[in-house]
Amino acid sequence: MNFHKAIAAVLMTAALAGCAQTEGQQRAGTGALIGGAGGALVGQAIGGNTKSTVIGAASGALLGAVVGSATTPQPQRRGEQMCRYQDRDGRIYTAPCDDRYYNGDY
C-alpha cells in the first residue's frame, strides 16, 4: 500500500512540475524530482530504513531544486540578444537584435 502512495506522490509531483511557467521553475522542478529520487536511493543504501530514505529524499530534492534553479541560463543584456530574421529569398538567419526588438516595434 505504501508503494502505491509513493508512486502517486511522484506522479503528482511530476504533474505539478509540468505546470511551471518559466525555464527556471521547470529546471528547479526537474532537479527536485531527480535529486529526490537519487537522495532516496542513497538514504536507503546508507541507512537501510524508512527514516534515512525520507531524509535522503528530502535532502536530495532540496539540493536538486537549488542546482536546477542555479543552472538556469540568465537572460542576455541588451545588445547581446540574438534574433531570427528572414531575408528576401526566404532564408532564415540569426543576428544581433536591432532597436525595433527592444522598443516592441517588430
N, C-alpha and C. Protein backbone atom coordinates (compact mmCIF):
# COMPACT_ATOMS: atom_id res chain seq x y z
N MET A 1 0.82 -1.20 0.00
CA MET A 1 0.00 0.00 0.00
C MET A 1 0.86 1.26 0.00
N ASN A 2 1.95 1.26 0.78
CA ASN A 2 2.84 2.42 0.81
C ASN A 2 3.50 2.65 -0.54
N PHE A 3 3.77 1.57 -1.26
CA PHE A 3 4.37 1.69 -2.58
C PHE A 3 3.45 2.45 -3.52
N HIS A 4 2.15 2.18 -3.46
CA HIS A 4 1.18 2.87 -4.32
C HIS A 4 1.08 4.35 -3.95
N LYS A 5 1.18 4.65 -2.66
CA LYS A 5 1.17 6.05 -2.25
C LYS A 5 2.41 6.78 -2.74
N ALA A 6 3.54 6.11 -2.70
CA ALA A 6 4.78 6.72 -3.16
C ALA A 6 4.72 6.98 -4.67
N ILE A 7 4.19 6.03 -5.42
CA ILE A 7 4.04 6.22 -6.87
C ILE A 7 3.09 7.37 -7.16
N ALA A 8 1.99 7.45 -6.42
CA ALA A 8 1.03 8.55 -6.61
C ALA A 8 1.67 9.89 -6.29
N ALA A 9 2.49 9.95 -5.25
CA ALA A 9 3.15 11.20 -4.89
C ALA A 9 4.14 11.63 -5.97
N VAL A 10 4.87 10.69 -6.53
CA VAL A 10 5.82 11.01 -7.60
C VAL A 10 5.09 11.50 -8.84
N LEU A 11 4.01 10.86 -9.19
CA LEU A 11 3.23 11.28 -10.36
C LEU A 11 2.62 12.66 -10.17
N MET A 12 2.12 12.94 -8.97
CA MET A 12 1.55 14.26 -8.71
C MET A 12 2.62 15.33 -8.76
N THR A 13 3.80 15.03 -8.22
CA THR A 13 4.90 15.98 -8.27
C THR A 13 5.34 16.23 -9.70
N ALA A 14 5.40 15.20 -10.51
CA ALA A 14 5.77 15.37 -11.91
C ALA A 14 4.73 16.19 -12.65
N ALA A 15 3.46 15.98 -12.35
CA ALA A 15 2.40 16.75 -13.00
C ALA A 15 2.48 18.22 -12.61
N LEU A 16 2.75 18.49 -11.34
CA LEU A 16 2.89 19.88 -10.90
C LEU A 16 4.13 20.53 -11.48
N ALA A 17 5.21 19.77 -11.63
CA ALA A 17 6.42 20.33 -12.24
C ALA A 17 6.18 20.71 -13.69
N GLY A 18 5.27 20.01 -14.34
CA GLY A 18 4.93 20.34 -15.73
C GLY A 18 4.15 21.63 -15.85
N CYS A 19 3.60 22.13 -14.75
CA CYS A 19 2.83 23.38 -14.78
C CYS A 19 3.72 24.60 -14.59
N ALA A 20 5.01 24.42 -14.45
CA ALA A 20 5.92 25.56 -14.26
C ALA A 20 5.87 26.46 -15.48
N GLN A 21 5.99 27.75 -15.24
CA GLN A 21 5.85 28.71 -16.33
C GLN A 21 7.17 29.18 -16.90
N THR A 22 8.18 29.32 -16.08
CA THR A 22 9.45 29.81 -16.57
C THR A 22 10.45 28.66 -16.65
N GLU A 23 11.53 28.89 -17.38
CA GLU A 23 12.55 27.86 -17.51
C GLU A 23 13.19 27.56 -16.15
N GLY A 24 13.36 28.60 -15.33
CA GLY A 24 13.93 28.39 -14.00
C GLY A 24 13.06 27.50 -13.13
N GLN A 25 11.75 27.71 -13.21
CA GLN A 25 10.83 26.88 -12.44
C GLN A 25 10.84 25.44 -12.95
N GLN A 26 10.90 25.27 -14.26
CA GLN A 26 10.95 23.93 -14.83
C GLN A 26 12.22 23.21 -14.43
N ARG A 27 13.33 23.92 -14.48
CA ARG A 27 14.60 23.29 -14.12
C ARG A 27 14.64 22.97 -12.63
N ALA A 28 14.08 23.84 -11.79
CA ALA A 28 14.04 23.57 -10.35
C ALA A 28 13.16 22.35 -10.06
N GLY A 29 12.02 22.26 -10.72
CA GLY A 29 11.14 21.11 -10.52
C GLY A 29 11.77 19.81 -10.97
N THR A 30 12.40 19.84 -12.12
CA THR A 30 13.07 18.64 -12.62
C THR A 30 14.23 18.25 -11.71
N GLY A 31 14.99 19.25 -11.26
CA GLY A 31 16.09 18.96 -10.35
C GLY A 31 15.61 18.37 -9.04
N ALA A 32 14.47 18.87 -8.55
CA ALA A 32 13.91 18.33 -7.31
C ALA A 32 13.49 16.87 -7.48
N LEU A 33 12.88 16.56 -8.62
CA LEU A 33 12.47 15.17 -8.87
C LEU A 33 13.67 14.24 -8.95
N ILE A 34 14.66 14.63 -9.71
CA ILE A 34 15.83 13.77 -9.87
C ILE A 34 16.61 13.68 -8.56
N GLY A 35 16.78 14.82 -7.89
CA GLY A 35 17.51 14.82 -6.62
C GLY A 35 16.78 14.02 -5.55
N GLY A 36 15.46 14.12 -5.52
CA GLY A 36 14.69 13.36 -4.54
C GLY A 36 14.81 11.87 -4.75
N ALA A 37 14.75 11.45 -6.01
CA ALA A 37 14.89 10.02 -6.31
C ALA A 37 16.28 9.53 -5.96
N GLY A 38 17.28 10.30 -6.35
CA GLY A 38 18.66 9.90 -6.03
C GLY A 38 18.92 9.91 -4.54
N GLY A 39 18.40 10.93 -3.85
CA GLY A 39 18.58 11.00 -2.41
C GLY A 39 17.91 9.85 -1.68
N ALA A 40 16.74 9.45 -2.16
CA ALA A 40 16.05 8.32 -1.54
C ALA A 40 16.85 7.03 -1.71
N LEU A 41 17.43 6.85 -2.88
CA LEU A 41 18.25 5.65 -3.10
C LEU A 41 19.49 5.65 -2.22
N VAL A 42 20.14 6.80 -2.13
CA VAL A 42 21.33 6.88 -1.28
C VAL A 42 20.97 6.71 0.19
N GLY A 43 19.88 7.34 0.63
CA GLY A 43 19.45 7.19 2.02
C GLY A 43 19.12 5.76 2.37
N GLN A 44 18.47 5.07 1.46
CA GLN A 44 18.13 3.66 1.70
C GLN A 44 19.39 2.80 1.73
N ALA A 45 20.33 3.11 0.84
CA ALA A 45 21.56 2.32 0.80
C ALA A 45 22.41 2.53 2.05
N ILE A 46 22.43 3.76 2.56
CA ILE A 46 23.27 4.05 3.73
C ILE A 46 22.59 3.59 5.03
N GLY A 47 21.33 4.02 5.21
CA GLY A 47 20.66 3.74 6.49
C GLY A 47 19.89 2.43 6.52
N GLY A 48 19.31 2.07 5.40
CA GLY A 48 18.56 0.81 5.34
C GLY A 48 17.21 0.85 6.02
N ASN A 49 16.70 2.04 6.36
CA ASN A 49 15.38 2.11 6.98
C ASN A 49 14.60 3.27 6.38
N THR A 50 13.34 3.37 6.76
CA THR A 50 12.45 4.38 6.18
C THR A 50 12.87 5.79 6.53
N LYS A 51 13.31 5.99 7.76
CA LYS A 51 13.71 7.33 8.19
C LYS A 51 14.85 7.87 7.34
N SER A 52 15.87 7.07 7.12
CA SER A 52 17.00 7.53 6.32
C SER A 52 16.61 7.73 4.85
N THR A 53 15.67 6.93 4.36
CA THR A 53 15.19 7.10 2.99
C THR A 53 14.46 8.43 2.83
N VAL A 54 13.61 8.77 3.79
CA VAL A 54 12.87 10.03 3.74
C VAL A 54 13.82 11.22 3.87
N ILE A 55 14.78 11.13 4.77
CA ILE A 55 15.75 12.21 4.93
C ILE A 55 16.57 12.38 3.66
N GLY A 56 17.00 11.27 3.07
CA GLY A 56 17.76 11.33 1.82
C GLY A 56 16.94 11.92 0.69
N ALA A 57 15.66 11.54 0.61
CA ALA A 57 14.79 12.07 -0.46
C ALA A 57 14.58 13.57 -0.29
N ALA A 58 14.35 14.02 0.94
CA ALA A 58 14.14 15.45 1.18
C ALA A 58 15.40 16.24 0.89
N SER A 59 16.53 15.73 1.35
CA SER A 59 17.80 16.43 1.11
C SER A 59 18.12 16.47 -0.38
N GLY A 60 17.92 15.37 -1.06
CA GLY A 60 18.19 15.33 -2.50
C GLY A 60 17.27 16.24 -3.29
N ALA A 61 16.00 16.30 -2.88
CA ALA A 61 15.05 17.17 -3.58
C ALA A 61 15.43 18.63 -3.39
N LEU A 62 15.81 18.99 -2.19
CA LEU A 62 16.23 20.37 -1.92
C LEU A 62 17.48 20.73 -2.72
N LEU A 63 18.46 19.87 -2.67
CA LEU A 63 19.70 20.13 -3.40
C LEU A 63 19.44 20.15 -4.91
N GLY A 64 18.61 19.24 -5.40
CA GLY A 64 18.30 19.22 -6.83
C GLY A 64 17.58 20.47 -7.29
N ALA A 65 16.66 20.98 -6.46
CA ALA A 65 15.94 22.20 -6.83
C ALA A 65 16.89 23.40 -6.85
N VAL A 66 17.79 23.46 -5.89
CA VAL A 66 18.75 24.58 -5.85
C VAL A 66 19.68 24.52 -7.06
N VAL A 67 20.19 23.34 -7.37
CA VAL A 67 21.10 23.21 -8.52
C VAL A 67 20.35 23.49 -9.82
N GLY A 68 19.14 22.98 -9.95
CA GLY A 68 18.36 23.23 -11.16
C GLY A 68 18.07 24.69 -11.37
N SER A 69 17.74 25.38 -10.30
CA SER A 69 17.46 26.81 -10.39
C SER A 69 18.72 27.61 -10.67
N ALA A 70 19.82 27.21 -10.06
CA ALA A 70 21.08 27.95 -10.22
C ALA A 70 21.68 27.78 -11.60
N THR A 71 21.38 26.68 -12.27
CA THR A 71 21.96 26.45 -13.60
C THR A 71 21.09 26.97 -14.72
N THR A 72 20.05 27.71 -14.40
CA THR A 72 19.21 28.29 -15.44
C THR A 72 19.98 29.41 -16.14
N PRO A 73 20.05 29.37 -17.46
CA PRO A 73 20.76 30.44 -18.17
C PRO A 73 20.10 31.79 -17.90
N GLN A 74 20.93 32.79 -17.65
CA GLN A 74 20.43 34.13 -17.38
C GLN A 74 20.16 34.85 -18.71
N PRO A 75 19.14 35.73 -18.73
CA PRO A 75 18.88 36.47 -19.96
C PRO A 75 20.07 37.35 -20.32
N GLN A 76 20.26 37.50 -21.60
CA GLN A 76 21.39 38.30 -22.04
C GLN A 76 21.08 39.78 -21.91
N ARG A 77 22.14 40.57 -21.79
CA ARG A 77 21.96 42.01 -21.69
C ARG A 77 21.58 42.59 -23.04
N ARG A 78 21.05 43.80 -23.00
CA ARG A 78 20.66 44.49 -24.23
C ARG A 78 21.87 44.58 -25.16
N GLY A 79 21.63 44.30 -26.41
CA GLY A 79 22.69 44.34 -27.40
C GLY A 79 23.32 42.97 -27.63
N GLU A 80 23.09 42.04 -26.73
CA GLU A 80 23.65 40.70 -26.89
C GLU A 80 22.57 39.69 -27.29
N GLN A 81 21.33 40.10 -27.28
CA GLN A 81 20.22 39.21 -27.62
C GLN A 81 20.28 38.89 -29.12
N MET A 82 20.07 37.63 -29.46
CA MET A 82 20.09 37.23 -30.86
C MET A 82 18.65 37.04 -31.34
N CYS A 83 18.38 37.50 -32.55
CA CYS A 83 17.05 37.37 -33.15
C CYS A 83 17.16 36.59 -34.45
N ARG A 84 16.04 36.03 -34.86
CA ARG A 84 15.98 35.32 -36.15
C ARG A 84 15.33 36.23 -37.17
N TYR A 85 15.94 36.31 -38.34
CA TYR A 85 15.43 37.13 -39.43
C TYR A 85 15.26 36.27 -40.67
N GLN A 86 14.45 36.76 -41.59
CA GLN A 86 14.27 36.07 -42.86
C GLN A 86 14.58 37.06 -43.98
N ASP A 87 15.48 36.66 -44.89
CA ASP A 87 15.82 37.57 -45.97
C ASP A 87 14.82 37.43 -47.12
N ARG A 88 15.04 38.18 -48.18
CA ARG A 88 14.08 38.21 -49.31
C ARG A 88 13.96 36.88 -50.03
N ASP A 89 15.01 36.06 -49.94
CA ASP A 89 14.99 34.75 -50.59
C ASP A 89 14.36 33.68 -49.72
N GLY A 90 13.94 34.04 -48.51
CA GLY A 90 13.30 33.10 -47.61
C GLY A 90 14.24 32.39 -46.67
N ARG A 91 15.54 32.69 -46.77
CA ARG A 91 16.50 32.06 -45.86
C ARG A 91 16.39 32.69 -44.48
N ILE A 92 16.47 31.86 -43.46
CA ILE A 92 16.40 32.35 -42.08
C ILE A 92 17.82 32.39 -41.53
N TYR A 93 18.16 33.50 -40.89
CA TYR A 93 19.48 33.66 -40.31
C TYR A 93 19.34 34.30 -38.93
N THR A 94 20.41 34.19 -38.14
CA THR A 94 20.44 34.74 -36.79
C THR A 94 21.45 35.88 -36.76
N ALA A 95 21.04 36.98 -36.11
CA ALA A 95 21.90 38.14 -35.99
C ALA A 95 21.51 38.89 -34.71
N PRO A 96 22.38 39.77 -34.22
CA PRO A 96 22.01 40.56 -33.05
C PRO A 96 20.74 41.37 -33.33
N CYS A 97 19.89 41.48 -32.32
CA CYS A 97 18.63 42.18 -32.47
C CYS A 97 18.88 43.68 -32.65
N ASP A 98 18.03 44.30 -33.43
CA ASP A 98 18.14 45.74 -33.60
C ASP A 98 17.20 46.44 -32.61
N ASP A 99 17.15 47.76 -32.65
CA ASP A 99 16.37 48.53 -31.68
C ASP A 99 14.87 48.26 -31.77
N ARG A 100 14.38 47.82 -32.92
CA ARG A 100 12.94 47.52 -33.04
C ARG A 100 12.53 46.43 -32.06
N TYR A 101 13.42 45.48 -31.80
CA TYR A 101 13.12 44.40 -30.86
C TYR A 101 12.94 44.94 -29.45
N TYR A 102 13.83 45.83 -29.05
CA TYR A 102 13.80 46.35 -27.69
C TYR A 102 12.67 47.36 -27.48
N ASN A 103 12.25 48.03 -28.56
CA ASN A 103 11.17 49.01 -28.47
C ASN A 103 9.79 48.38 -28.67
N GLY A 104 9.74 47.12 -29.06
CA GLY A 104 8.46 46.46 -29.28
C GLY A 104 7.86 46.76 -30.64
N ASP A 105 8.66 47.26 -31.60
CA ASP A 105 8.16 47.62 -32.92
C ASP A 105 8.45 46.54 -33.97
N TYR A 106 8.46 45.29 -33.59
CA TYR A 106 8.81 44.25 -34.54
C TYR A 106 7.62 43.62 -35.17
